[in-house]
Amino acid sequence: MVAGLGLVWSPLGRDTRRRRREAQLELMRRIAQLGEELHGIGRELHRANEIQMHRLLTEQLDRAIDDPTLAAAMSTLRGISDHKRRQMLFANREYATIVLSHRTGNIDWSELLGHLRVLCRNEIFAEYWEHTVEHRRSLADGSLERLVGEAVDALLEELAEDPEEWWIVGPAPEPPGD
């Protein structure tokens, strides 16, 4: 008789299996939700780290701008005066801040281009950009830095063609795919 007990159909067993299955599904939903939350926390940590790295770089740039001996140690540009080197470092600082604003989601692609369009009107920035063309050659294809660099190249070219109509927004490079 004991052997036959396992073969008996029990409505109680089916109800238990249903509850167990519902509990498993709920647990899976919670795990998926936790995974999404952890992913969001990871993105925020990455964003915070980018901001902190920018802060450190900005502090170094500020020190270098204040002290010509530090400027020489920080810059790879040759054949320029200490005064010009410090201006180039400041131009780099401004550019990096604008790009960080986009990278951290504070401005979208079109706003980024607008800020860069204004920056490109600055003669010191244009000179900085020309002096650092070699620095951008090694940027990875498709990287944000490469795409922004190409956008600046296009903006400077447009500005050179018609400096009086710098404010007219022409065709711009497509925003990077996220």
N, C-alpha and C. Protein backbone atom coordinates (compact mmCIF):
# COMPACT_ATOMS: atom_id res chain seq x y z
N MET A 1 0.80 -1.19 0.00
CA MET A 1 0.00 0.00 0.00
C MET A 1 0.85 1.26 0.00
N VAL A 2 1.95 1.24 0.63
CA VAL A 2 2.80 2.41 0.69
C VAL A 2 3.31 2.77 -0.70
N ALA A 3 3.62 1.79 -1.51
CA ALA A 3 4.13 2.06 -2.85
C ALA A 3 3.09 2.77 -3.70
N GLY A 4 1.86 2.54 -3.50
CA GLY A 4 0.81 3.13 -4.29
C GLY A 4 0.50 4.58 -3.95
N LEU A 5 0.98 5.08 -2.84
CA LEU A 5 0.67 6.44 -2.44
C LEU A 5 1.22 7.49 -3.41
N GLY A 6 2.35 7.19 -4.02
CA GLY A 6 2.94 8.14 -4.95
C GLY A 6 2.14 8.27 -6.22
N LEU A 7 1.32 7.33 -6.55
CA LEU A 7 0.55 7.36 -7.77
C LEU A 7 -0.81 8.02 -7.60
N VAL A 8 -1.19 8.30 -6.40
CA VAL A 8 -2.49 8.89 -6.14
C VAL A 8 -2.46 10.36 -6.55
N TRP A 9 -3.45 10.75 -7.30
CA TRP A 9 -3.56 12.15 -7.74
C TRP A 9 -4.01 12.97 -6.55
N SER A 10 -3.32 14.10 -6.34
CA SER A 10 -3.66 14.92 -5.19
C SER A 10 -3.84 16.36 -5.62
N PRO A 11 -5.01 16.93 -5.40
CA PRO A 11 -5.19 18.34 -5.71
C PRO A 11 -4.29 19.21 -4.84
N LEU A 12 -3.93 18.73 -3.68
CA LEU A 12 -3.03 19.45 -2.80
C LEU A 12 -1.65 19.60 -3.44
N GLY A 13 -1.16 18.58 -4.10
CA GLY A 13 0.15 18.61 -4.75
C GLY A 13 0.19 19.62 -5.89
N ARG A 14 -0.89 19.68 -6.66
CA ARG A 14 -0.93 20.61 -7.78
C ARG A 14 -0.95 22.05 -7.26
N ASP A 15 -1.67 22.32 -6.21
CA ASP A 15 -1.74 23.65 -5.63
C ASP A 15 -0.37 24.06 -5.08
N THR A 16 0.33 23.13 -4.48
CA THR A 16 1.67 23.40 -3.94
C THR A 16 2.63 23.72 -5.08
N ARG A 17 2.55 22.95 -6.17
CA ARG A 17 3.43 23.20 -7.33
C ARG A 17 3.14 24.57 -7.93
N ARG A 18 1.86 24.94 -8.00
CA ARG A 18 1.49 26.25 -8.55
C ARG A 18 2.05 27.37 -7.68
N ARG A 19 1.90 27.25 -6.37
CA ARG A 19 2.44 28.27 -5.46
C ARG A 19 3.96 28.34 -5.57
N ARG A 20 4.60 27.19 -5.66
CA ARG A 20 6.05 27.16 -5.79
C ARG A 20 6.48 27.84 -7.09
N ARG A 21 5.75 27.56 -8.17
CA ARG A 21 6.07 28.18 -9.47
C ARG A 21 5.86 29.69 -9.41
N GLU A 22 4.78 30.15 -8.78
CA GLU A 22 4.54 31.59 -8.63
C GLU A 22 5.65 32.23 -7.79
N ALA A 23 6.06 31.54 -6.74
CA ALA A 23 7.14 32.07 -5.89
C ALA A 23 8.45 32.15 -6.69
N GLN A 24 8.70 31.14 -7.53
CA GLN A 24 9.91 31.16 -8.36
C GLN A 24 9.86 32.31 -9.37
N LEU A 25 8.71 32.53 -9.98
CA LEU A 25 8.57 33.63 -10.93
C LEU A 25 8.75 34.98 -10.24
N GLU A 26 8.18 35.12 -9.06
CA GLU A 26 8.35 36.37 -8.31
C GLU A 26 9.82 36.58 -7.94
N LEU A 27 10.48 35.52 -7.54
CA LEU A 27 11.91 35.61 -7.22
C LEU A 27 12.72 36.00 -8.46
N MET A 28 12.37 35.44 -9.61
CA MET A 28 13.07 35.79 -10.85
C MET A 28 12.82 37.26 -11.21
N ARG A 29 11.61 37.75 -11.01
CA ARG A 29 11.32 39.17 -11.26
C ARG A 29 12.15 40.07 -10.34
N ARG A 30 12.23 39.68 -9.08
CA ARG A 30 13.02 40.47 -8.13
C ARG A 30 14.51 40.46 -8.49
N ILE A 31 15.01 39.31 -8.90
CA ILE A 31 16.41 39.22 -9.31
C ILE A 31 16.67 40.09 -10.53
N ALA A 32 15.75 40.06 -11.50
CA ALA A 32 15.90 40.91 -12.69
C ALA A 32 15.87 42.38 -12.30
N GLN A 33 14.98 42.74 -11.40
CA GLN A 33 14.89 44.13 -10.94
C GLN A 33 16.18 44.53 -10.23
N LEU A 34 16.71 43.67 -9.39
CA LEU A 34 17.98 43.95 -8.72
C LEU A 34 19.11 44.10 -9.73
N GLY A 35 19.10 43.26 -10.76
CA GLY A 35 20.11 43.37 -11.81
C GLY A 35 20.06 44.72 -12.50
N GLU A 36 18.84 45.18 -12.80
CA GLU A 36 18.69 46.50 -13.43
C GLU A 36 19.16 47.61 -12.48
N GLU A 37 18.82 47.47 -11.21
CA GLU A 37 19.25 48.48 -10.24
C GLU A 37 20.77 48.50 -10.11
N LEU A 38 21.38 47.32 -10.07
CA LEU A 38 22.84 47.24 -9.99
C LEU A 38 23.49 47.84 -11.23
N HIS A 39 22.90 47.59 -12.39
CA HIS A 39 23.42 48.17 -13.63
C HIS A 39 23.34 49.69 -13.56
N GLY A 40 22.23 50.21 -13.06
CA GLY A 40 22.08 51.66 -12.90
C GLY A 40 23.10 52.23 -11.92
N ILE A 41 23.33 51.51 -10.84
CA ILE A 41 24.34 51.95 -9.87
C ILE A 41 25.72 51.94 -10.52
N GLY A 42 25.99 50.93 -11.33
CA GLY A 42 27.27 50.87 -12.04
C GLY A 42 27.45 52.05 -12.97
N ARG A 43 26.39 52.41 -13.69
CA ARG A 43 26.46 53.58 -14.59
C ARG A 43 26.72 54.86 -13.79
N GLU A 44 26.05 55.00 -12.67
CA GLU A 44 26.25 56.19 -11.83
C GLU A 44 27.66 56.23 -11.26
N LEU A 45 28.19 55.07 -10.85
CA LEU A 45 29.57 55.03 -10.36
C LEU A 45 30.55 55.42 -11.46
N HIS A 46 30.31 54.91 -12.66
CA HIS A 46 31.17 55.25 -13.80
C HIS A 46 31.11 56.75 -14.06
N ARG A 47 29.92 57.29 -14.04
CA ARG A 47 29.74 58.74 -14.26
C ARG A 47 30.45 59.54 -13.16
N ALA A 48 30.30 59.12 -11.92
CA ALA A 48 30.97 59.80 -10.80
C ALA A 48 32.48 59.71 -10.94
N ASN A 49 32.98 58.56 -11.38
CA ASN A 49 34.42 58.41 -11.59
C ASN A 49 34.92 59.31 -12.71
N GLU A 50 34.14 59.43 -13.78
CA GLU A 50 34.52 60.34 -14.87
C GLU A 50 34.60 61.78 -14.37
N ILE A 51 33.63 62.17 -13.58
CA ILE A 51 33.61 63.53 -13.04
C ILE A 51 34.82 63.74 -12.12
N GLN A 52 35.11 62.76 -11.28
CA GLN A 52 36.25 62.88 -10.37
C GLN A 52 37.56 62.94 -11.15
N MET A 53 37.72 62.13 -12.19
CA MET A 53 38.93 62.18 -13.01
C MET A 53 39.05 63.55 -13.69
N HIS A 54 37.95 64.08 -14.16
CA HIS A 54 37.97 65.41 -14.78
C HIS A 54 38.38 66.46 -13.74
N ARG A 55 37.86 66.32 -12.54
CA ARG A 55 38.21 67.26 -11.47
C ARG A 55 39.72 67.22 -11.20
N LEU A 56 40.28 66.01 -11.13
CA LEU A 56 41.72 65.88 -10.90
C LEU A 56 42.52 66.50 -12.04
N LEU A 57 42.11 66.22 -13.27
CA LEU A 57 42.80 66.79 -14.43
C LEU A 57 42.69 68.31 -14.43
N THR A 58 41.52 68.82 -14.10
CA THR A 58 41.31 70.27 -14.06
C THR A 58 42.21 70.90 -13.00
N GLU A 59 42.34 70.26 -11.85
CA GLU A 59 43.23 70.79 -10.81
C GLU A 59 44.67 70.82 -11.31
N GLN A 60 45.09 69.76 -12.00
CA GLN A 60 46.45 69.74 -12.55
C GLN A 60 46.62 70.83 -13.60
N LEU A 61 45.63 70.97 -14.46
CA LEU A 61 45.71 72.01 -15.49
C LEU A 61 45.76 73.40 -14.85
N ASP A 62 44.97 73.61 -13.82
CA ASP A 62 44.99 74.90 -13.14
C ASP A 62 46.37 75.20 -12.55
N ARG A 63 46.99 74.18 -11.94
CA ARG A 63 48.35 74.37 -11.41
C ARG A 63 49.33 74.68 -12.53
N ALA A 64 49.19 73.94 -13.64
CA ALA A 64 50.09 74.15 -14.78
C ALA A 64 49.90 75.53 -15.40
N ILE A 65 48.67 75.98 -15.45
CA ILE A 65 48.40 77.32 -16.00
C ILE A 65 49.03 78.39 -15.10
N ASP A 66 49.01 78.15 -13.80
CA ASP A 66 49.58 79.12 -12.86
C ASP A 66 51.11 79.08 -12.81
N ASP A 67 51.72 77.95 -13.17
CA ASP A 67 53.17 77.78 -13.03
C ASP A 67 53.77 77.30 -14.35
N PRO A 68 54.54 78.14 -15.04
CA PRO A 68 55.10 77.77 -16.34
C PRO A 68 55.96 76.51 -16.30
N THR A 69 56.63 76.23 -15.17
CA THR A 69 57.45 75.02 -15.11
C THR A 69 56.57 73.77 -15.12
N LEU A 70 55.42 73.84 -14.47
CA LEU A 70 54.48 72.72 -14.51
C LEU A 70 53.82 72.62 -15.88
N ALA A 71 53.56 73.75 -16.50
CA ALA A 71 52.96 73.75 -17.84
C ALA A 71 53.87 73.02 -18.81
N ALA A 72 55.18 73.27 -18.71
CA ALA A 72 56.14 72.60 -19.59
C ALA A 72 56.15 71.09 -19.34
N ALA A 73 55.96 70.69 -18.09
CA ALA A 73 55.95 69.27 -17.76
C ALA A 73 54.67 68.59 -18.24
N MET A 74 53.60 69.32 -18.35
CA MET A 74 52.32 68.74 -18.70
C MET A 74 52.04 68.76 -20.20
N SER A 75 52.70 69.63 -20.92
CA SER A 75 52.39 69.83 -22.34
C SER A 75 53.41 69.13 -23.23
N THR A 76 52.94 68.61 -24.35
CA THR A 76 53.84 68.01 -25.35
C THR A 76 54.06 68.93 -26.53
N LEU A 77 53.47 70.10 -26.50
CA LEU A 77 53.60 71.04 -27.62
C LEU A 77 54.99 71.66 -27.62
N ARG A 78 55.58 71.74 -28.81
CA ARG A 78 56.94 72.28 -28.95
C ARG A 78 56.90 73.60 -29.71
N GLY A 79 57.93 74.40 -29.45
CA GLY A 79 58.11 75.62 -30.21
C GLY A 79 57.10 76.71 -29.90
N ILE A 80 56.56 76.71 -28.69
CA ILE A 80 55.64 77.79 -28.32
C ILE A 80 56.13 78.42 -27.02
N SER A 81 55.76 79.65 -26.81
CA SER A 81 56.17 80.37 -25.59
C SER A 81 55.44 79.81 -24.37
N ASP A 82 55.97 80.13 -23.20
CA ASP A 82 55.30 79.71 -21.96
C ASP A 82 53.89 80.28 -21.89
N HIS A 83 53.75 81.52 -22.29
CA HIS A 83 52.44 82.17 -22.29
C HIS A 83 51.46 81.42 -23.20
N LYS A 84 51.92 81.10 -24.41
CA LYS A 84 51.07 80.39 -25.37
C LYS A 84 50.74 78.99 -24.86
N ARG A 85 51.72 78.32 -24.25
CA ARG A 85 51.50 76.97 -23.70
C ARG A 85 50.38 77.00 -22.65
N ARG A 86 50.40 77.99 -21.81
CA ARG A 86 49.38 78.10 -20.78
C ARG A 86 48.02 78.37 -21.40
N GLN A 87 47.98 79.16 -22.46
CA GLN A 87 46.72 79.39 -23.17
C GLN A 87 46.20 78.08 -23.78
N MET A 88 47.11 77.29 -24.33
CA MET A 88 46.72 76.01 -24.94
C MET A 88 46.16 75.06 -23.88
N LEU A 89 46.80 75.04 -22.72
CA LEU A 89 46.30 74.20 -21.63
C LEU A 89 44.90 74.63 -21.21
N PHE A 90 44.68 75.93 -21.17
CA PHE A 90 43.35 76.41 -20.80
C PHE A 90 42.32 76.05 -21.87
N ALA A 91 42.70 76.16 -23.14
CA ALA A 91 41.79 75.77 -24.23
C ALA A 91 41.43 74.30 -24.11
N ASN A 92 42.42 73.47 -23.78
CA ASN A 92 42.16 72.05 -23.58
C ASN A 92 41.20 71.84 -22.41
N ARG A 93 41.38 72.60 -21.36
CA ARG A 93 40.52 72.51 -20.18
C ARG A 93 39.07 72.83 -20.54
N GLU A 94 38.87 73.88 -21.31
CA GLU A 94 37.52 74.27 -21.71
C GLU A 94 36.87 73.21 -22.59
N TYR A 95 37.63 72.71 -23.56
CA TYR A 95 37.13 71.67 -24.46
C TYR A 95 36.74 70.43 -23.66
N ALA A 96 37.62 69.99 -22.77
CA ALA A 96 37.35 68.78 -21.98
C ALA A 96 36.11 68.95 -21.11
N THR A 97 35.89 70.13 -20.60
CA THR A 97 34.71 70.39 -19.77
C THR A 97 33.43 70.28 -20.59
N ILE A 98 33.45 70.81 -21.80
CA ILE A 98 32.28 70.72 -22.67
C ILE A 98 31.99 69.26 -23.03
N VAL A 99 33.03 68.51 -23.37
CA VAL A 99 32.84 67.09 -23.72
C VAL A 99 32.33 66.31 -22.51
N LEU A 100 32.85 66.61 -21.33
CA LEU A 100 32.37 65.94 -20.12
C LEU A 100 30.89 66.22 -19.89
N SER A 101 30.46 67.43 -20.17
CA SER A 101 29.04 67.76 -20.01
C SER A 101 28.17 66.86 -20.88
N HIS A 102 28.65 66.55 -22.07
CA HIS A 102 27.90 65.64 -22.93
C HIS A 102 28.01 64.20 -22.42
N ARG A 103 29.21 63.79 -22.08
CA ARG A 103 29.46 62.42 -21.64
C ARG A 103 28.62 62.06 -20.42
N THR A 104 28.41 63.02 -19.53
CA THR A 104 27.66 62.74 -18.30
C THR A 104 26.16 63.00 -18.45
N GLY A 105 25.73 63.37 -19.67
CA GLY A 105 24.31 63.51 -19.93
C GLY A 105 23.73 64.88 -19.60
N ASN A 106 24.57 65.84 -19.30
CA ASN A 106 24.06 67.18 -18.99
C ASN A 106 23.63 67.94 -20.24
N ILE A 107 24.26 67.63 -21.37
CA ILE A 107 23.86 68.24 -22.65
C ILE A 107 23.78 67.14 -23.69
N ASP A 108 22.87 67.30 -24.65
CA ASP A 108 22.75 66.30 -25.71
C ASP A 108 23.71 66.65 -26.85
N TRP A 109 23.67 65.85 -27.91
CA TRP A 109 24.61 66.01 -29.02
C TRP A 109 24.48 67.39 -29.68
N SER A 110 23.25 67.83 -29.91
CA SER A 110 23.08 69.13 -30.58
C SER A 110 23.56 70.27 -29.68
N GLU A 111 23.33 70.16 -28.38
CA GLU A 111 23.85 71.18 -27.46
C GLU A 111 25.37 71.16 -27.42
N LEU A 112 25.93 69.97 -27.47
CA LEU A 112 27.39 69.84 -27.52
C LEU A 112 27.94 70.58 -28.73
N LEU A 113 27.31 70.36 -29.89
CA LEU A 113 27.77 71.03 -31.10
C LEU A 113 27.62 72.54 -30.98
N GLY A 114 26.57 73.00 -30.34
CA GLY A 114 26.38 74.44 -30.15
C GLY A 114 27.49 75.04 -29.30
N HIS A 115 27.83 74.38 -28.20
CA HIS A 115 28.93 74.86 -27.36
C HIS A 115 30.26 74.84 -28.11
N LEU A 116 30.47 73.77 -28.87
CA LEU A 116 31.72 73.66 -29.63
C LEU A 116 31.78 74.72 -30.73
N ARG A 117 30.63 75.01 -31.34
CA ARG A 117 30.58 76.03 -32.39
C ARG A 117 31.05 77.38 -31.84
N VAL A 118 30.61 77.72 -30.64
CA VAL A 118 31.04 78.97 -30.00
C VAL A 118 32.53 78.90 -29.66
N LEU A 119 32.97 77.78 -29.11
CA LEU A 119 34.38 77.62 -28.75
C LEU A 119 35.28 77.73 -29.97
N CYS A 120 34.83 77.20 -31.11
CA CYS A 120 35.63 77.24 -32.33
C CYS A 120 35.85 78.66 -32.84
N ARG A 121 35.05 79.59 -32.43
CA ARG A 121 35.24 80.99 -32.83
C ARG A 121 36.43 81.62 -32.11
N ASN A 122 36.88 80.99 -31.05
CA ASN A 122 38.00 81.51 -30.29
C ASN A 122 39.31 81.18 -31.01
N GLU A 123 40.11 82.20 -31.29
CA GLU A 123 41.36 82.00 -32.03
C GLU A 123 42.35 81.12 -31.28
N ILE A 124 42.40 81.24 -29.97
CA ILE A 124 43.31 80.41 -29.17
C ILE A 124 42.89 78.95 -29.28
N PHE A 125 41.59 78.69 -29.20
CA PHE A 125 41.13 77.31 -29.33
C PHE A 125 41.46 76.77 -30.72
N ALA A 126 41.22 77.56 -31.76
CA ALA A 126 41.52 77.11 -33.12
C ALA A 126 43.01 76.79 -33.27
N GLU A 127 43.84 77.60 -32.66
CA GLU A 127 45.29 77.35 -32.70
C GLU A 127 45.63 76.09 -31.91
N TYR A 128 45.02 75.94 -30.74
CA TYR A 128 45.21 74.72 -29.95
C TYR A 128 44.83 73.49 -30.77
N TRP A 129 43.70 73.57 -31.45
CA TRP A 129 43.21 72.43 -32.23
C TRP A 129 44.20 72.07 -33.33
N GLU A 130 44.75 73.08 -33.96
CA GLU A 130 45.74 72.86 -35.03
C GLU A 130 47.01 72.23 -34.46
N HIS A 131 47.46 72.70 -33.30
CA HIS A 131 48.69 72.18 -32.68
C HIS A 131 48.52 70.73 -32.20
N THR A 132 47.31 70.31 -31.93
CA THR A 132 47.10 68.98 -31.34
C THR A 132 46.52 67.97 -32.32
N VAL A 133 46.59 68.26 -33.60
CA VAL A 133 46.02 67.34 -34.60
C VAL A 133 46.64 65.95 -34.49
N GLU A 134 47.93 65.88 -34.22
CA GLU A 134 48.60 64.58 -34.09
C GLU A 134 48.08 63.79 -32.90
N HIS A 135 47.68 64.48 -31.86
CA HIS A 135 47.17 63.79 -30.67
C HIS A 135 45.89 63.02 -30.98
N ARG A 136 45.13 63.48 -31.93
CA ARG A 136 43.83 62.87 -32.23
C ARG A 136 43.93 61.73 -33.24
N ARG A 137 45.06 61.55 -33.85
CA ARG A 137 45.19 60.51 -34.88
C ARG A 137 45.03 59.09 -34.31
N SER A 138 45.36 58.91 -33.05
CA SER A 138 45.30 57.57 -32.47
C SER A 138 43.97 57.25 -31.79
N LEU A 139 43.01 58.15 -31.87
CA LEU A 139 41.71 57.89 -31.24
C LEU A 139 41.00 56.75 -31.96
N ALA A 140 40.37 55.90 -31.19
CA ALA A 140 39.70 54.72 -31.74
C ALA A 140 38.52 55.12 -32.63
N ASP A 141 38.40 54.44 -33.76
CA ASP A 141 37.26 54.67 -34.65
C ASP A 141 35.96 54.45 -33.87
N GLY A 142 35.03 55.36 -34.04
CA GLY A 142 33.73 55.22 -33.40
C GLY A 142 33.68 55.69 -31.95
N SER A 143 34.84 56.02 -31.37
CA SER A 143 34.83 56.49 -29.98
C SER A 143 34.22 57.88 -29.91
N LEU A 144 33.70 58.23 -28.77
CA LEU A 144 33.11 59.56 -28.60
C LEU A 144 34.16 60.63 -28.89
N GLU A 145 35.37 60.42 -28.39
CA GLU A 145 36.43 61.41 -28.60
C GLU A 145 36.69 61.61 -30.09
N ARG A 146 36.70 60.53 -30.85
CA ARG A 146 36.94 60.62 -32.29
C ARG A 146 35.80 61.37 -32.97
N LEU A 147 34.55 61.02 -32.62
CA LEU A 147 33.39 61.66 -33.22
C LEU A 147 33.33 63.16 -32.89
N VAL A 148 33.65 63.50 -31.67
CA VAL A 148 33.65 64.91 -31.29
C VAL A 148 34.77 65.63 -32.03
N GLY A 149 35.93 65.00 -32.14
CA GLY A 149 37.04 65.59 -32.88
C GLY A 149 36.68 65.85 -34.33
N GLU A 150 36.01 64.90 -34.96
CA GLU A 150 35.57 65.08 -36.35
C GLU A 150 34.55 66.21 -36.45
N ALA A 151 33.69 66.32 -35.45
CA ALA A 151 32.70 67.40 -35.44
C ALA A 151 33.40 68.76 -35.33
N VAL A 152 34.41 68.85 -34.47
CA VAL A 152 35.15 70.11 -34.33
C VAL A 152 35.87 70.43 -35.64
N ASP A 153 36.47 69.42 -36.27
CA ASP A 153 37.12 69.64 -37.58
C ASP A 153 36.12 70.25 -38.56
N ALA A 154 34.91 69.69 -38.61
CA ALA A 154 33.89 70.18 -39.54
C ALA A 154 33.46 71.60 -39.18
N LEU A 155 33.31 71.87 -37.90
CA LEU A 155 32.92 73.21 -37.46
C LEU A 155 33.99 74.25 -37.81
N LEU A 156 35.24 73.90 -37.60
CA LEU A 156 36.33 74.83 -37.93
C LEU A 156 36.42 75.06 -39.43
N GLU A 157 36.15 74.00 -40.20
CA GLU A 157 36.15 74.14 -41.66
C GLU A 157 35.02 75.07 -42.11
N GLU A 158 33.83 74.88 -41.56
CA GLU A 158 32.69 75.76 -41.88
C GLU A 158 33.02 77.21 -41.51
N LEU A 159 33.61 77.39 -40.36
CA LEU A 159 33.94 78.73 -39.89
C LEU A 159 34.99 79.38 -40.80
N ALA A 160 35.94 78.60 -41.28
CA ALA A 160 36.97 79.13 -42.18
C ALA A 160 36.36 79.55 -43.51
N GLU A 161 35.35 78.80 -43.97
CA GLU A 161 34.71 79.11 -45.25
C GLU A 161 33.87 80.38 -45.17
N ASP A 162 33.18 80.58 -44.06
CA ASP A 162 32.33 81.77 -43.93
C ASP A 162 32.26 82.20 -42.47
N PRO A 163 33.25 82.97 -42.02
CA PRO A 163 33.31 83.34 -40.60
C PRO A 163 32.16 84.22 -40.13
N GLU A 164 31.47 84.89 -41.04
CA GLU A 164 30.38 85.77 -40.63
C GLU A 164 29.09 85.00 -40.36
N GLU A 165 29.01 83.78 -40.82
CA GLU A 165 27.77 83.00 -40.62
C GLU A 165 28.02 81.80 -39.72
N TRP A 166 28.84 81.99 -38.72
CA TRP A 166 29.19 80.92 -37.80
C TRP A 166 27.98 80.40 -37.04
N TRP A 167 27.00 81.22 -36.84
CA TRP A 167 25.82 80.86 -36.04
C TRP A 167 24.82 80.04 -36.81
N ILE A 168 24.95 79.98 -38.14
CA ILE A 168 24.02 79.18 -38.95
C ILE A 168 24.39 77.72 -38.79
N VAL A 169 23.43 76.96 -38.34
CA VAL A 169 23.69 75.55 -38.09
C VAL A 169 23.48 74.77 -39.37
N GLY A 170 24.56 74.23 -39.88
CA GLY A 170 24.50 73.42 -41.09
C GLY A 170 24.44 71.95 -40.72
N PRO A 171 24.60 71.11 -41.72
CA PRO A 171 24.58 69.68 -41.43
C PRO A 171 25.73 69.32 -40.49
N ALA A 172 25.41 68.59 -39.48
CA ALA A 172 26.42 68.20 -38.50
C ALA A 172 26.57 66.70 -38.49
N PRO A 173 27.70 66.23 -38.04
CA PRO A 173 27.86 64.79 -37.91
C PRO A 173 26.76 64.21 -37.03
N GLU A 174 26.41 62.99 -37.32
CA GLU A 174 25.37 62.32 -36.54
C GLU A 174 25.86 62.07 -35.12
N PRO A 175 24.95 62.08 -34.17
CA PRO A 175 25.36 61.79 -32.80
C PRO A 175 25.81 60.34 -32.69
N PRO A 176 26.69 60.08 -31.74
CA PRO A 176 27.15 58.71 -31.57
C PRO A 176 26.02 57.81 -31.10
N GLY A 177 26.03 56.58 -31.56
CA GLY A 177 25.03 55.61 -31.10
C GLY A 177 25.41 55.11 -29.73
N ASP A 178 24.44 55.10 -28.84
CA ASP A 178 24.73 54.67 -27.47
C ASP A 178 24.37 53.23 -27.28
